[in-house]
Amino acid sequence: MIKTKPGDEDSTAAFEKTLAAAGADNTVMRLYVTGITRQSARAIATVKTLCENHIKGRYELEVVDIYQQPERAAKAQIIAAPTLVKELPPPLRRLVGDLSDPGQVLIALNLNREA
């Protein structure tokens, strides 16, 4: 059994509600990072910039620190960070490691459509 901290249920329920309510045009992603490091900060900034430039207003992004919430990383089977997981629209996509090439990230996540 995985133990959760108080408040985790609320954020999980909110995320699941977002998943259920998301339309075909919305992109729902989770970015798993390791603490407050330069690499984590760079990954967060890169993904936010990419989303704002290419799918502005049509995305939900949740950042999960695997040091603070290791149970969520275990449940999602995250073994390396940063890992970007695109939940919606299908198909599920995972991108592990360097997120510095926006073109490659868009292609890997199947987001290379016009904004």
Protein backbone atom coordinates (compact mmCIF):
# COMPACT_ATOMS: atom_id res chain seq x y z
CA MET A 1 0.00 0.00 0.00
CA ILE A 2 1.31 3.43 -0.93
CA LYS A 3 0.96 6.03 1.77
CA THR A 4 0.15 9.57 0.76
CA LYS A 5 0.53 12.87 2.53
CA PRO A 6 -2.50 14.95 3.50
CA GLY A 7 -3.55 17.03 0.50
CA ASP A 8 -2.26 14.53 -2.09
CA GLU A 9 -5.78 13.18 -2.52
CA ASP A 10 -7.04 16.67 -3.35
CA SER A 11 -4.41 17.28 -6.03
CA THR A 12 -4.90 13.80 -7.47
CA ALA A 13 -8.66 14.24 -7.56
CA ALA A 14 -8.26 17.64 -9.21
CA PHE A 15 -5.92 16.21 -11.84
CA GLU A 16 -8.28 13.30 -12.55
CA LYS A 17 -11.16 15.76 -12.86
CA THR A 18 -9.09 17.76 -15.34
CA LEU A 19 -8.36 14.58 -17.30
CA ALA A 20 -12.04 13.69 -17.42
CA ALA A 21 -13.09 17.19 -18.46
CA ALA A 22 -10.31 17.78 -20.98
CA GLY A 23 -11.50 18.13 -24.53
CA ALA A 24 -9.84 16.76 -27.63
CA ASP A 25 -7.94 20.03 -28.09
CA ASN A 26 -6.42 20.07 -24.59
CA THR A 27 -3.02 18.58 -23.88
CA VAL A 28 -2.52 17.24 -20.36
CA MET A 29 1.07 16.63 -19.22
CA ARG A 30 3.10 15.85 -16.12
CA LEU A 31 6.73 16.79 -15.75
CA TYR A 32 8.68 14.74 -13.20
CA VAL A 33 11.78 16.49 -11.85
CA THR A 34 14.35 15.86 -9.11
CA GLY A 35 14.29 18.63 -6.55
CA ILE A 36 15.34 22.22 -7.04
CA THR A 37 18.29 21.84 -9.38
CA ARG A 38 19.48 23.70 -12.46
CA GLN A 39 18.45 20.75 -14.62
CA SER A 40 14.95 20.71 -13.08
CA ALA A 41 14.55 24.48 -13.45
CA ARG A 42 15.72 24.28 -17.07
CA ALA A 43 13.27 21.45 -17.83
CA ILE A 44 10.36 23.35 -16.27
CA ALA A 45 11.20 26.56 -18.13
CA THR A 46 11.68 24.71 -21.42
CA VAL A 47 8.36 22.87 -21.20
CA LYS A 48 6.43 25.99 -20.14
CA THR A 49 7.96 28.01 -22.99
CA LEU A 50 7.22 25.23 -25.47
CA CYS A 51 3.61 25.03 -24.31
CA GLU A 52 3.11 28.81 -24.38
CA ASN A 53 4.61 29.04 -27.87
CA HIS A 54 2.83 26.08 -29.46
CA ILE A 55 -0.32 25.13 -27.53
CA LYS A 56 -1.10 28.27 -25.51
CA GLY A 57 -4.41 28.05 -23.71
CA ARG A 58 -4.82 24.39 -24.65
CA TYR A 59 -2.71 22.63 -22.04
CA GLU A 60 -2.53 21.57 -18.41
CA LEU A 61 0.95 21.03 -16.95
CA GLU A 62 1.61 19.52 -13.54
CA VAL A 63 5.16 19.46 -12.16
CA VAL A 64 5.94 16.61 -9.77
CA ASP A 65 9.09 16.65 -7.64
CA ILE A 66 9.98 12.99 -7.24
CA TYR A 67 11.97 13.75 -4.08
CA GLN A 68 8.87 15.21 -2.41
CA GLN A 69 6.40 12.70 -3.87
CA PRO A 70 8.29 9.46 -4.56
CA GLU A 71 5.08 7.43 -4.40
CA ARG A 72 3.71 9.25 -7.44
CA ALA A 73 6.89 8.58 -9.39
CA ALA A 74 6.75 4.91 -8.41
CA LYS A 75 3.09 4.64 -9.41
CA ALA A 76 3.86 6.24 -12.78
CA GLN A 77 6.95 4.01 -13.18
CA ILE A 78 9.32 6.95 -13.50
CA ILE A 79 12.93 5.79 -13.35
CA ALA A 80 14.77 8.89 -14.60
CA ALA A 81 14.26 12.62 -14.49
CA PRO A 82 13.35 14.87 -16.04
CA THR A 83 10.53 12.86 -17.60
CA LEU A 84 7.68 14.54 -19.45
CA VAL A 85 4.51 12.46 -19.77
CA LYS A 86 1.75 13.51 -22.15
CA GLU A 87 -1.48 11.97 -20.84
CA LEU A 88 -3.96 13.54 -23.27
CA PRO A 89 -4.73 13.46 -26.08
CA PRO A 90 -3.92 9.82 -26.72
CA PRO A 91 -1.60 8.13 -27.29
CA LEU A 92 0.33 8.41 -24.03
CA ARG A 93 3.86 9.66 -24.70
CA ARG A 94 6.97 9.79 -22.47
CA LEU A 95 10.05 11.83 -23.07
CA VAL A 96 13.02 11.26 -20.78
CA GLY A 97 16.09 13.44 -20.42
CA ASP A 98 17.17 16.48 -22.37
CA LEU A 99 14.23 18.66 -23.40
CA SER A 100 16.34 21.40 -24.96
CA ASP A 101 15.36 20.86 -28.62
CA PRO A 102 11.79 22.18 -28.97
CA GLY A 103 11.33 20.67 -32.43
CA GLN A 104 12.28 17.21 -31.24
CA VAL A 105 10.08 17.53 -28.13
CA LEU A 106 7.09 18.54 -30.28
CA ILE A 107 7.62 15.58 -32.58
CA ALA A 108 8.24 13.10 -29.76
CA LEU A 109 5.05 14.15 -27.98
CA ASN A 110 3.06 14.30 -31.24
CA LEU A 111 2.34 18.00 -30.71
CA ASN A 112 3.78 19.22 -34.01
CA ARG A 113 0.48 20.68 -35.17
CA GLU A 114 -0.33 24.31 -35.82
CA ALA A 115 -1.20 26.34 -32.72
